[in-house]
Amino acid sequence: MPLYEIKAELFRTLGHPTRIRVLELLQDGPRPVHELLAEIEVEASNLSQQLAVLRRAGLVRSSREGATVLYSLTTADIARLLHDGRRILAALAADQQDLLADLRDSAASR
């Protein structure tokens, strides 16, 4: 499979709000499912499905501590990717604000 297709699959995996939120929460370290459920407003079955997708993609891993299942990121690179995504979104928003200001200025000068 070509690398660009593998990258596309990674971004498709990241293309779900619940999965992004899970990854954001796991940036601070391993979390049990009940904590993830308390932070994310989805049904337990939906969260379970999204965690399974993230596990299959190799983005998170699960481990047991007694009866508790903990989830964690497989690599710190995932946290960096999320950080870079925020940085890109902030730059895009700033560009849009600049464009909006330019449009307002040109409308006011007419």
PDB file of N, CA and C in Angstrom:
ATOM      1  N   MET A   1       0.857  -1.177   0.000  1.00  0.00           N
ATOM      2  CA  MET A   1       0.000   0.000   0.000  1.00  0.00           C
ATOM      3  C   MET A   1       0.906   1.245   0.000  1.00  0.00           C
ATOM      4  N   PRO A   2       0.653   2.196  -0.889  1.00  0.00           N
ATOM      5  CA  PRO A   2       1.478   3.412  -0.926  1.00  0.00           C
ATOM      6  C   PRO A   2       1.337   4.233   0.356  1.00  0.00           C
ATOM      7  N   LEU A   3       2.422   4.919   0.694  1.00  0.00           N
ATOM      8  CA  LEU A   3       2.459   5.704   1.926  1.00  0.00           C
ATOM      9  C   LEU A   3       1.330   6.741   1.982  1.00  0.00           C
ATOM     10  N   TYR A   4       1.019   7.378   0.845  1.00  0.00           N
ATOM     11  CA  TYR A   4      -0.040   8.392   0.857  1.00  0.00           C
ATOM     12  C   TYR A   4      -1.393   7.786   1.207  1.00  0.00           C
ATOM     13  N   GLU A   5      -1.622   6.528   0.848  1.00  0.00           N
ATOM     14  CA  GLU A   5      -2.878   5.870   1.206  1.00  0.00           C
ATOM     15  C   GLU A   5      -2.906   5.544   2.702  1.00  0.00           C
ATOM     16  N   ILE A   6      -1.765   5.146   3.232  1.00  0.00           N
ATOM     17  CA  ILE A   6      -1.680   4.862   4.666  1.00  0.00           C
ATOM     18  C   ILE A   6      -1.910   6.146   5.463  1.00  0.00           C
ATOM     19  N   LYS A   7      -1.325   7.258   4.988  1.00  0.00           N
ATOM     20  CA  LYS A   7      -1.550   8.550   5.648  1.00  0.00           C
ATOM     21  C   LYS A   7      -3.018   8.940   5.580  1.00  0.00           C
ATOM     22  N   ALA A   8      -3.635   8.722   4.428  1.00  0.00           N
ATOM     23  CA  ALA A   8      -5.055   9.052   4.287  1.00  0.00           C
ATOM     24  C   ALA A   8      -5.892   8.255   5.278  1.00  0.00           C
ATOM     25  N   GLU A   9      -5.541   6.993   5.472  1.00  0.00           N
ATOM     26  CA  GLU A   9      -6.266   6.153   6.437  1.00  0.00           C
ATOM     27  C   GLU A   9      -6.092   6.688   7.850  1.00  0.00           C
ATOM     28  N   LEU A  10      -4.881   7.148   8.196  1.00  0.00           N
ATOM     29  CA  LEU A  10      -4.648   7.750   9.503  1.00  0.00           C
ATOM     30  C   LEU A  10      -5.553   8.959   9.692  1.00  0.00           C
ATOM     31  N   PHE A  11      -5.614   9.835   8.690  1.00  0.00           N
ATOM     32  CA  PHE A  11      -6.443  11.029   8.827  1.00  0.00           C
ATOM     33  C   PHE A  11      -7.936  10.696   8.835  1.00  0.00           C
ATOM     34  N   ARG A  12      -8.340   9.631   8.147  1.00  0.00           N
ATOM     35  CA  ARG A  12      -9.740   9.195   8.241  1.00  0.00           C
ATOM     36  C   ARG A  12     -10.043   8.735   9.667  1.00  0.00           C
ATOM     37  N   THR A  13      -9.097   8.030  10.270  1.00  0.00           N
ATOM     38  CA  THR A  13      -9.268   7.589  11.655  1.00  0.00           C
ATOM     39  C   THR A  13      -9.404   8.792  12.576  1.00  0.00           C
ATOM     40  N   LEU A  14      -8.631   9.833  12.317  1.00  0.00           N
ATOM     41  CA  LEU A  14      -8.687  11.036  13.146  1.00  0.00           C
ATOM     42  C   LEU A  14      -9.918  11.884  12.853  1.00  0.00           C
ATOM     43  N   GLY A  15     -10.654  11.545  11.820  1.00  0.00           N
ATOM     44  CA  GLY A  15     -11.768  12.366  11.370  1.00  0.00           C
ATOM     45  C   GLY A  15     -13.078  12.158  12.112  1.00  0.00           C
ATOM     46  N   HIS A  16     -13.023  11.893  13.393  1.00  0.00           N
ATOM     47  CA  HIS A  16     -14.243  11.728  14.183  1.00  0.00           C
ATOM     48  C   HIS A  16     -14.080  12.498  15.491  1.00  0.00           C
ATOM     49  N   PRO A  17     -15.034  13.351  15.839  1.00  0.00           N
ATOM     50  CA  PRO A  17     -14.891  14.184  17.038  1.00  0.00           C
ATOM     51  C   PRO A  17     -14.655  13.401  18.329  1.00  0.00           C
ATOM     52  N   THR A  18     -15.310  12.283  18.498  1.00  0.00           N
ATOM     53  CA  THR A  18     -15.127  11.505  19.725  1.00  0.00           C
ATOM     54  C   THR A  18     -13.710  10.958  19.799  1.00  0.00           C
ATOM     55  N   ARG A  19     -13.190  10.498  18.672  1.00  0.00           N
ATOM     56  CA  ARG A  19     -11.824   9.965  18.675  1.00  0.00           C
ATOM     57  C   ARG A  19     -10.816  11.060  18.997  1.00  0.00           C
ATOM     58  N   ILE A  20     -11.003  12.236  18.425  1.00  0.00           N
ATOM     59  CA  ILE A  20     -10.111  13.357  18.716  1.00  0.00           C
ATOM     60  C   ILE A  20     -10.168  13.688  20.207  1.00  0.00           C
ATOM     61  N   ARG A  21     -11.369  13.734  20.766  1.00  0.00           N
ATOM     62  CA  ARG A  21     -11.522  14.070  22.186  1.00  0.00           C
ATOM     63  C   ARG A  21     -10.834  13.028  23.063  1.00  0.00           C
ATOM     64  N   VAL A  22     -10.974  11.752  22.725  1.00  0.00           N
ATOM     65  CA  VAL A  22     -10.295  10.698  23.478  1.00  0.00           C
ATOM     66  C   VAL A  22      -8.793  10.920  23.440  1.00  0.00           C
ATOM     67  N   LEU A  23      -8.254  11.169  22.265  1.00  0.00           N
ATOM     68  CA  LEU A  23      -6.814  11.386  22.132  1.00  0.00           C
ATOM     69  C   LEU A  23      -6.360  12.606  22.926  1.00  0.00           C
ATOM     70  N   GLU A  24      -7.166  13.659  22.905  1.00  0.00           N
ATOM     71  CA  GLU A  24      -6.832  14.849  23.696  1.00  0.00           C
ATOM     72  C   GLU A  24      -6.770  14.518  25.184  1.00  0.00           C
ATOM     73  N   LEU A  25      -7.736  13.764  25.661  1.00  0.00           N
ATOM     74  CA  LEU A  25      -7.778  13.413  27.079  1.00  0.00           C
ATOM     75  C   LEU A  25      -6.612  12.508  27.482  1.00  0.00           C
ATOM     76  N   LEU A  26      -6.174  11.674  26.571  1.00  0.00           N
ATOM     77  CA  LEU A  26      -5.092  10.743  26.881  1.00  0.00           C
ATOM     78  C   LEU A  26      -3.709  11.390  26.803  1.00  0.00           C
ATOM     79  N   GLN A  27      -3.646  12.636  26.342  1.00  0.00           N
ATOM     80  CA  GLN A  27      -2.353  13.333  26.278  1.00  0.00           C
ATOM     81  C   GLN A  27      -1.726  13.480  27.659  1.00  0.00           C
ATOM     82  N   ASP A  28      -2.548  13.563  28.684  1.00  0.00           N
ATOM     83  CA  ASP A  28      -2.053  13.757  30.043  1.00  0.00           C
ATOM     84  C   ASP A  28      -1.698  12.444  30.739  1.00  0.00           C
ATOM     85  N   GLY A  29      -1.866  11.340  30.048  1.00  0.00           N
ATOM     86  CA  GLY A  29      -1.522  10.048  30.624  1.00  0.00           C
ATOM     87  C   GLY A  29      -2.685   9.075  30.552  1.00  0.00           C
ATOM     88  N   PRO A  30      -2.443   7.841  30.962  1.00  0.00           N
ATOM     89  CA  PRO A  30      -3.474   6.795  30.895  1.00  0.00           C
ATOM     90  C   PRO A  30      -4.727   7.187  31.678  1.00  0.00           C
ATOM     91  N   ARG A  31      -5.861   6.782  31.137  1.00  0.00           N
ATOM     92  CA  ARG A  31      -7.148   7.066  31.781  1.00  0.00           C
ATOM     93  C   ARG A  31      -8.025   5.821  31.714  1.00  0.00           C
ATOM     94  N   PRO A  32      -8.783   5.556  32.779  1.00  0.00           N
ATOM     95  CA  PRO A  32      -9.755   4.458  32.734  1.00  0.00           C
ATOM     96  C   PRO A  32     -10.989   4.879  31.927  1.00  0.00           C
ATOM     97  N   VAL A  33     -11.698   3.902  31.455  1.00  0.00           N
ATOM     98  CA  VAL A  33     -12.873   4.169  30.623  1.00  0.00           C
ATOM     99  C   VAL A  33     -13.882   5.042  31.351  1.00  0.00           C
ATOM    100  N   HIS A  34     -14.110   4.794  32.646  1.00  0.00           N
ATOM    101  CA  HIS A  34     -15.127   5.573  33.355  1.00  0.00           C
ATOM    102  C   HIS A  34     -14.769   7.062  33.383  1.00  0.00           C
ATOM    103  N   GLU A  35     -13.473   7.402  33.424  1.00  0.00           N
ATOM    104  CA  GLU A  35     -13.082   8.816  33.372  1.00  0.00           C
ATOM    105  C   GLU A  35     -13.319   9.398  31.982  1.00  0.00           C
ATOM    106  N   LEU A  36     -13.034   8.611  30.958  1.00  0.00           N
ATOM    107  CA  LEU A  36     -13.292   9.075  29.591  1.00  0.00           C
ATOM    108  C   LEU A  36     -14.779   9.322  29.397  1.00  0.00           C
ATOM    109  N   LEU A  37     -15.603   8.414  29.903  1.00  0.00           N
ATOM    110  CA  LEU A  37     -17.063   8.576  29.785  1.00  0.00           C
ATOM    111  C   LEU A  37     -17.547   9.830  30.501  1.00  0.00           C
ATOM    112  N   ALA A  38     -16.946  10.139  31.639  1.00  0.00           N
ATOM    113  CA  ALA A  38     -17.353  11.332  32.399  1.00  0.00           C
ATOM    114  C   ALA A  38     -17.020  12.615  31.636  1.00  0.00           C
ATOM    115  N   GLU A  39     -15.984  12.580  30.811  1.00  0.00           N
ATOM    116  CA  GLU A  39     -15.543  13.765  30.075  1.00  0.00           C
ATOM    117  C   GLU A  39     -16.195  13.901  28.698  1.00  0.00           C
ATOM    118  N   ILE A  40     -16.609  12.779  28.129  1.00  0.00           N
ATOM    119  CA  ILE A  40     -17.141  12.770  26.763  1.00  0.00           C
ATOM    120  C   ILE A  40     -18.610  12.386  26.824  1.00  0.00           C
ATOM    121  N   GLU A  41     -19.451  13.207  26.279  1.00  0.00           N
ATOM    122  CA  GLU A  41     -20.890  12.965  26.353  1.00  0.00           C
ATOM    123  C   GLU A  41     -21.359  12.038  25.232  1.00  0.00           C
ATOM    124  N   VAL A  42     -21.015  10.750  25.382  1.00  0.00           N
ATOM    125  CA  VAL A  42     -21.473   9.720  24.450  1.00  0.00           C
ATOM    126  C   VAL A  42     -21.889   8.500  25.258  1.00  0.00           C
ATOM    127  N   GLU A  43     -22.632   7.631  24.615  1.00  0.00           N
ATOM    128  CA  GLU A  43     -23.018   6.373  25.241  1.00  0.00           C
ATOM    129  C   GLU A  43     -21.783   5.489  25.397  1.00  0.00           C
ATOM    130  N   ALA A  44     -21.810   4.630  26.393  1.00  0.00           N
ATOM    131  CA  ALA A  44     -20.680   3.735  26.644  1.00  0.00           C
ATOM    132  C   ALA A  44     -20.379   2.869  25.423  1.00  0.00           C
ATOM    133  N   SER A  45     -21.414   2.406  24.739  1.00  0.00           N
ATOM    134  CA  SER A  45     -21.202   1.556  23.561  1.00  0.00           C
ATOM    135  C   SER A  45     -20.517   2.339  22.439  1.00  0.00           C
ATOM    136  N   ASN A  46     -20.879   3.611  22.283  1.00  0.00           N
ATOM    137  CA  ASN A  46     -20.245   4.444  21.260  1.00  0.00           C
ATOM    138  C   ASN A  46     -18.776   4.664  21.594  1.00  0.00           C
ATOM    139  N   LEU A  47     -18.478   4.965  22.847  1.00  0.00           N
ATOM    140  CA  LEU A  47     -17.092   5.157  23.256  1.00  0.00           C
ATOM    141  C   LEU A  47     -16.292   3.874  23.031  1.00  0.00           C
ATOM    142  N   SER A  48     -16.881   2.753  23.358  1.00  0.00           N
ATOM    143  CA  SER A  48     -16.214   1.473  23.167  1.00  0.00           C
ATOM    144  C   SER A  48     -15.867   1.261  21.689  1.00  0.00           C
ATOM    145  N   GLN A  49     -16.798   1.593  20.804  1.00  0.00           N
ATOM    146  CA  GLN A  49     -16.551   1.455  19.365  1.00  0.00           C
ATOM    147  C   GLN A  49     -15.409   2.368  18.919  1.00  0.00           C
ATOM    148  N   GLN A  50     -15.416   3.596  19.408  1.00  0.00           N
ATOM    149  CA  GLN A  50     -14.379   4.552  19.003  1.00  0.00           C
ATOM    150  C   GLN A  50     -13.010   4.135  19.549  1.00  0.00           C
ATOM    151  N   LEU A  51     -12.980   3.627  20.768  1.00  0.00           N
ATOM    152  CA  LEU A  51     -11.726   3.130  21.328  1.00  0.00           C
ATOM    153  C   LEU A  51     -11.204   1.944  20.525  1.00  0.00           C
ATOM    154  N   ALA A  52     -12.106   1.093  20.063  1.00  0.00           N
ATOM    155  CA  ALA A  52     -11.694  -0.057  19.248  1.00  0.00           C
ATOM    156  C   ALA A  52     -11.075   0.407  17.934  1.00  0.00           C
ATOM    157  N   VAL A  53     -11.646   1.431  17.319  1.00  0.00           N
ATOM    158  CA  VAL A  53     -11.082   1.983  16.081  1.00  0.00           C
ATOM    159  C   VAL A  53      -9.679   2.524  16.346  1.00  0.00           C
ATOM    160  N   LEU A  54      -9.523   3.264  17.436  1.00  0.00           N
ATOM    161  CA  LEU A  54      -8.215   3.831  17.779  1.00  0.00           C
ATOM    162  C   LEU A  54      -7.190   2.743  18.097  1.00  0.00           C
ATOM    163  N   ARG A  55      -7.646   1.675  18.745  1.00  0.00           N
ATOM    164  CA  ARG A  55      -6.741   0.546  19.033  1.00  0.00           C
ATOM    165  C   ARG A  55      -6.301  -0.138  17.742  1.00  0.00           C
ATOM    166  N   ARG A  56      -7.264  -0.418  16.853  1.00  0.00           N
ATOM    167  CA  ARG A  56      -6.928  -1.083  15.586  1.00  0.00           C
ATOM    168  C   ARG A  56      -5.963  -0.242  14.760  1.00  0.00           C
ATOM    169  N   ALA A  57      -6.094   1.075  14.847  1.00  0.00           N
ATOM    170  CA  ALA A  57      -5.209   1.978  14.097  1.00  0.00           C
ATOM    171  C   ALA A  57      -3.841   2.108  14.759  1.00  0.00           C
ATOM    172  N   GLY A  58      -3.708   1.581  15.972  1.00  0.00           N
ATOM    173  CA  GLY A  58      -2.434   1.650  16.672  1.00  0.00           C
ATOM    174  C   GLY A  58      -2.170   2.976  17.360  1.00  0.00           C
ATOM    175  N   LEU A  59      -3.215   3.772  17.566  1.00  0.00           N
ATOM    176  CA  LEU A  59      -3.051   5.080  18.201  1.00  0.00           C
ATOM    177  C   LEU A  59      -3.170   5.019  19.714  1.00  0.00           C
ATOM    178  N   VAL A  60      -3.925   4.046  20.221  1.00  0.00           N
ATOM    179  CA  VAL A  60      -4.040   3.851  21.667  1.00  0.00           C
ATOM    180  C   VAL A  60      -3.820   2.377  21.985  1.00  0.00           C
ATOM    181  N   ARG A  61      -3.481   2.150  23.242  1.00  0.00           N
ATOM    182  CA  ARG A  61      -3.353   0.781  23.740  1.00  0.00           C
ATOM    183  C   ARG A  61      -4.173   0.679  25.019  1.00  0.00           C
ATOM    184  N   SER A  62      -4.550  -0.524  25.346  1.00  0.00           N
ATOM    185  CA  SER A  62      -5.272  -0.749  26.599  1.00  0.00           C
ATOM    186  C   SER A  62      -4.453  -1.690  27.470  1.00  0.00           C
ATOM    187  N   SER A  63      -4.618  -1.508  28.776  1.00  0.00           N
ATOM    188  CA  SER A  63      -3.967  -2.388  29.747  1.00  0.00           C
ATOM    189  C   SER A  63      -4.910  -2.528  30.932  1.00  0.00           C
ATOM    190  N   ARG A  64      -4.697  -3.566  31.685  1.00  0.00           N
ATOM    191  CA  ARG A  64      -5.545  -3.815  32.856  1.00  0.00           C
ATOM    192  C   ARG A  64      -4.783  -3.567  34.138  1.00  0.00           C
ATOM    193  N   GLU A  65      -5.495  -2.946  35.067  1.00  0.00           N
ATOM    194  CA  GLU A  65      -5.033  -2.848  36.448  1.00  0.00           C
ATOM    195  C   GLU A  65      -6.175  -3.383  37.294  1.00  0.00           C
ATOM    196  N   GLY A  66      -6.096  -4.644  37.627  1.00  0.00           N
ATOM    197  CA  GLY A  66      -7.213  -5.293  38.315  1.00  0.00           C
ATOM    198  C   GLY A  66      -8.405  -5.369  37.387  1.00  0.00           C
ATOM    199  N   ALA A  67      -9.531  -4.825  37.847  1.00  0.00           N
ATOM    200  CA  ALA A  67     -10.744  -4.833  37.035  1.00  0.00           C
ATOM    201  C   ALA A  67     -10.848  -3.607  36.132  1.00  0.00           C
ATOM    202  N   THR A  68      -9.890  -2.693  36.243  1.00  0.00           N
ATOM    203  CA  THR A  68      -9.933  -1.440  35.507  1.00  0.00           C
ATOM    204  C   THR A  68      -9.131  -1.542  34.215  1.00  0.00           C
ATOM    205  N   VAL A  69      -9.753  -1.101  33.116  1.00  0.00           N
ATOM    206  CA  VAL A  69      -9.061  -1.035  31.828  1.00  0.00           C
ATOM    207  C   VAL A  69      -8.600   0.400  31.630  1.00  0.00           C
ATOM    208  N   LEU A  70      -7.285   0.553  31.432  1.00  0.00           N
ATOM    209  CA  LEU A  70      -6.700   1.869  31.193  1.00  0.00           C
ATOM    210  C   LEU A  70      -6.347   2.008  29.723  1.00  0.00           C
ATOM    211  N   TYR A  71      -6.562   3.200  29.183  1.00  0.00           N
ATOM    212  CA  TYR A  71      -6.182   3.499  27.809  1.00  0.00           C
ATOM    213  C   TYR A  71      -5.090   4.547  27.828  1.00  0.00           C
ATOM    214  N   SER A  72      -4.158   4.420  26.890  1.00  0.00           N
ATOM    215  CA  SER A  72      -3.074   5.389  26.782  1.00  0.00           C
ATOM    216  C   SER A  72      -2.674   5.540  25.318  1.00  0.00           C
ATOM    217  N   LEU A  73      -2.001   6.648  25.023  1.00  0.00           N
ATOM    218  CA  LEU A  73      -1.469   6.866  23.680  1.00  0.00           C
ATOM    219  C   LEU A  73      -0.301   5.915  23.460  1.00  0.00           C
ATOM    220  N   THR A  74      -0.149   5.452  22.234  1.00  0.00           N
ATOM    221  CA  THR A  74       0.964   4.547  21.935  1.00  0.00           C
ATOM    222  C   THR A  74       2.276   5.298  21.750  1.00  0.00           C
ATOM    223  N   THR A  75       2.196   6.586  21.424  1.00  0.00           N
ATOM    224  CA  THR A  75       3.391   7.389  21.212  1.00  0.00           C
ATOM    225  C   THR A  75       3.092   8.863  21.490  1.00  0.00           C
ATOM    226  N   ALA A  76       4.075   9.582  21.970  1.00  0.00           N
ATOM    227  CA  ALA A  76       3.917  11.021  22.215  1.00  0.00           C
ATOM    228  C   ALA A  76       3.735  11.792  20.916  1.00  0.00           C
ATOM    229  N   ASP A  77       4.086  11.171  19.796  1.00  0.00           N
ATOM    230  CA  ASP A  77       3.901  11.837  18.497  1.00  0.00           C
ATOM    231  C   ASP A  77       2.436  12.185  18.243  1.00  0.00           C
ATOM    232  N   ILE A  78       1.533  11.408  18.803  1.00  0.00           N
ATOM    233  CA  ILE A  78       0.101  11.678  18.633  1.00  0.00           C
ATOM    234  C   ILE A  78      -0.262  12.991  19.316  1.00  0.00           C
ATOM    235  N   ALA A  79       0.256  13.201  20.511  1.00  0.00           N
ATOM    236  CA  ALA A  79       0.014  14.459  21.225  1.00  0.00           C
ATOM    237  C   ALA A  79       0.601  15.627  20.442  1.00  0.00           C
ATOM    238  N   ARG A  80       1.785  15.425  19.851  1.00  0.00           N
ATOM    239  CA  ARG A  80       2.391  16.495  19.041  1.00  0.00           C
ATOM    240  C   ARG A  80       1.554  16.787  17.801  1.00  0.00           C
ATOM    241  N   LEU A  81       1.003  15.742  17.192  1.00  0.00           N
ATOM    242  CA  LEU A  81       0.139  15.929  16.022  1.00  0.00           C
ATOM    243  C   LEU A  81      -1.091  16.755  16.391  1.00  0.00           C
ATOM    244  N   LEU A  82      -1.698  16.459  17.528  1.00  0.00           N
ATOM    245  CA  LEU A  82      -2.858  17.228  17.985  1.00  0.00           C
ATOM    246  C   LEU A  82      -2.472  18.680  18.265  1.00  0.00           C
ATOM    247  N   HIS A  83      -1.306  18.878  18.866  1.00  0.00           N
ATOM    248  CA  HIS A  83      -0.814  20.232  19.126  1.00  0.00           C
ATOM    249  C   HIS A  83      -0.586  20.981  17.808  1.00  0.00           C
ATOM    250  N   ASP A  84       0.034  20.314  16.848  1.00  0.00           N
ATOM    251  CA  ASP A  84       0.261  20.943  15.543  1.00  0.00           C
ATOM    252  C   ASP A  84      -1.068  21.274  14.865  1.00  0.00           C
ATOM    253  N   GLY A  85      -2.047  20.405  15.020  1.00  0.00           N
ATOM    254  CA  GLY A  85      -3.372  20.679  14.462  1.00  0.00           C
ATOM    255  C   GLY A  85      -3.976  21.941  15.054  1.00  0.00           C
ATOM    256  N   ARG A  86      -3.857  22.115  16.364  1.00  0.00           N
ATOM    257  CA  ARG A  86      -4.354  23.338  17.008  1.00  0.00           C
ATOM    258  C   ARG A  86      -3.623  24.568  16.483  1.00  0.00           C
ATOM    259  N   ARG A  87      -2.296  24.428  16.312  1.00  0.00           N
ATOM    260  CA  ARG A  87      -1.495  25.543  15.801  1.00  0.00           C
ATOM    261  C   ARG A  87      -1.931  25.928  14.384  1.00  0.00           C
ATOM    262  N   ILE A  88      -2.177  24.928  13.550  1.00  0.00           N
ATOM    263  CA  ILE A  88      -2.631  25.183  12.179  1.00  0.00           C
ATOM    264  C   ILE A  88      -3.994  25.853  12.195  1.00  0.00           C
ATOM    265  N   LEU A  89      -4.900  25.362  13.022  1.00  0.00           N
ATOM    266  CA  LEU A  89      -6.239  25.966  13.109  1.00  0.00           C
ATOM    267  C   LEU A  89      -6.171  27.405  13.597  1.00  0.00           C
ATOM    268  N   ALA A  90      -5.291  27.680  14.551  1.00  0.00           N
ATOM    269  CA  ALA A  90      -5.136  29.050  15.043  1.00  0.00           C
ATOM    270  C   ALA A  90      -4.621  29.960  13.937  1.00  0.00           C
ATOM    271  N   ALA A  91      -3.669  29.472  13.140  1.00  0.00           N
ATOM    272  CA  ALA A  91      -3.140  30.274  12.026  1.00  0.00           C
ATOM    273  C   ALA A  91      -4.212  30.519  10.980  1.00  0.00           C
ATOM    274  N   LEU A  92      -5.010  29.506  10.681  1.00  0.00           N
ATOM    275  CA  LEU A  92      -6.092  29.672   9.708  1.00  0.00           C
ATOM    276  C   LEU A  92      -7.123  30.672  10.210  1.00  0.00           C
ATOM    277  N   ALA A  93      -7.454  30.588  11.487  1.00  0.00           N
ATOM    278  CA  ALA A  93      -8.422  31.524  12.066  1.00  0.00           C
ATOM    279  C   ALA A  93      -7.874  32.947  12.018  1.00  0.00           C
ATOM    280  N   ALA A  94      -6.592  33.110  12.296  1.00  0.00           N
ATOM    281  CA  ALA A  94      -5.987  34.447  12.232  1.00  0.00           C
ATOM    282  C   ALA A  94      -6.039  34.985  10.814  1.00  0.00           C
ATOM    283  N   ASP A  95      -5.759  34.110   9.828  1.00  0.00           N
ATOM    284  CA  ASP A  95      -5.835  34.534   8.427  1.00  0.00           C
ATOM    285  C   ASP A  95      -7.258  34.954   8.067  1.00  0.00           C
ATOM    286  N   GLN A  96      -8.242  34.223   8.564  1.00  0.00           N
ATOM    287  CA  GLN A  96      -9.639  34.562   8.288  1.00  0.00           C
ATOM    288  C   GLN A  96     -10.012  35.885   8.944  1.00  0.00           C
ATOM    289  N   GLN A  97      -9.495  36.133  10.139  1.00  0.00           N
ATOM    290  CA  GLN A  97      -9.763  37.409  10.815  1.00  0.00           C
ATOM    291  C   GLN A  97      -9.143  38.565  10.040  1.00  0.00           C
ATOM    292  N   ASP A  98      -7.931  38.351   9.505  1.00  0.00           N
ATOM    293  CA  ASP A  98      -7.283  39.372   8.686  1.00  0.00           C
ATOM    294  C   ASP A  98      -8.111  39.654   7.431  1.00  0.00           C
ATOM    295  N   LEU A  99      -8.600  38.591   6.785  1.00  0.00           N
ATOM    296  CA  LEU A  99      -9.423  38.757   5.592  1.00  0.00           C
ATOM    297  C   LEU A  99     -10.707  39.501   5.931  1.00  0.00           C
ATOM    298  N   LEU A 100     -11.339  39.134   7.035  1.00  0.00           N
ATOM    299  CA  LEU A 100     -12.567  39.800   7.464  1.00  0.00           C
ATOM    300  C   LEU A 100     -12.313  41.283   7.721  1.00  0.00           C
ATOM    301  N   ALA A 101     -11.205  41.602   8.363  1.00  0.00           N
ATOM    302  CA  ALA A 101     -10.863  43.008   8.616  1.00  0.00           C
ATOM    303  C   ALA A 101     -10.644  43.754   7.300  1.00  0.00           C
ATOM    304  N   ASP A 102      -9.973  43.127   6.345  1.00  0.00           N
ATOM    305  CA  ASP A 102      -9.757  43.749   5.036  1.00  0.00           C
ATOM    306  C   ASP A 102     -11.086  44.004   4.327  1.00  0.00           C
ATOM    307  N   LEU A 103     -11.981  43.033   4.400  1.00  0.00           N
ATOM    308  CA  LEU A 103     -13.296  43.190   3.763  1.00  0.00           C
ATOM    309  C   LEU A 103     -14.078  44.329   4.409  1.00  0.00           C
ATOM    310  N   ARG A 104     -14.030  44.410   5.734  1.00  0.00           N
ATOM    311  CA  ARG A 104     -14.725  45.493   6.435  1.00  0.00           C
ATOM    312  C   ARG A 104     -14.132  46.841   6.071  1.00  0.00           C
ATOM    313  N   ASP A 105     -12.803  46.915   5.998  1.00  0.00           N
ATOM    314  CA  ASP A 105     -12.139  48.170   5.643  1.00  0.00           C
ATOM    315  C   ASP A 105     -12.525  48.617   4.229  1.00  0.00           C
ATOM    316  N   SER A 106     -12.568  47.657   3.310  1.00  0.00           N
ATOM    317  CA  SER A 106     -12.898  48.020   1.919  1.00  0.00           C
ATOM    318  C   SER A 106     -14.367  48.418   1.803  1.00  0.00           C
ATOM    319  N   ALA A 107     -15.236  47.792   2.596  1.00  0.00           N
ATOM    320  CA  ALA A 107     -16.656  48.144   2.561  1.00  0.00           C
ATOM    321  C   ALA A 107     -16.868  49.530   3.179  1.00  0.00           C
ATOM    322  N   ALA A 108     -16.117  49.857   4.209  1.00  0.00           N
ATOM    323  CA  ALA A 108     -16.262  51.139   4.880  1.00  0.00           C
ATOM    324  C   ALA A 108     -15.736  52.289   4.018  1.00  0.00           C
ATOM    325  N   SER A 109     -14.749  51.990   3.139  1.00  0.00           N
ATOM    326  CA  SER A 109     -14.180  53.060   2.325  1.00  0.00           C
ATOM    327  C   SER A 109     -15.028  53.364   1.094  1.00  0.00           C
ATOM    328  N   ARG A 110     -16.064  52.630   0.856  1.00  0.00           N
ATOM    329  CA  ARG A 110     -16.933  52.889  -0.310  1.00  0.00           C
ATOM    330  C   ARG A 110     -17.941  53.921  -0.023  1.00  0.00           C
TER     331      ARG A 110
END
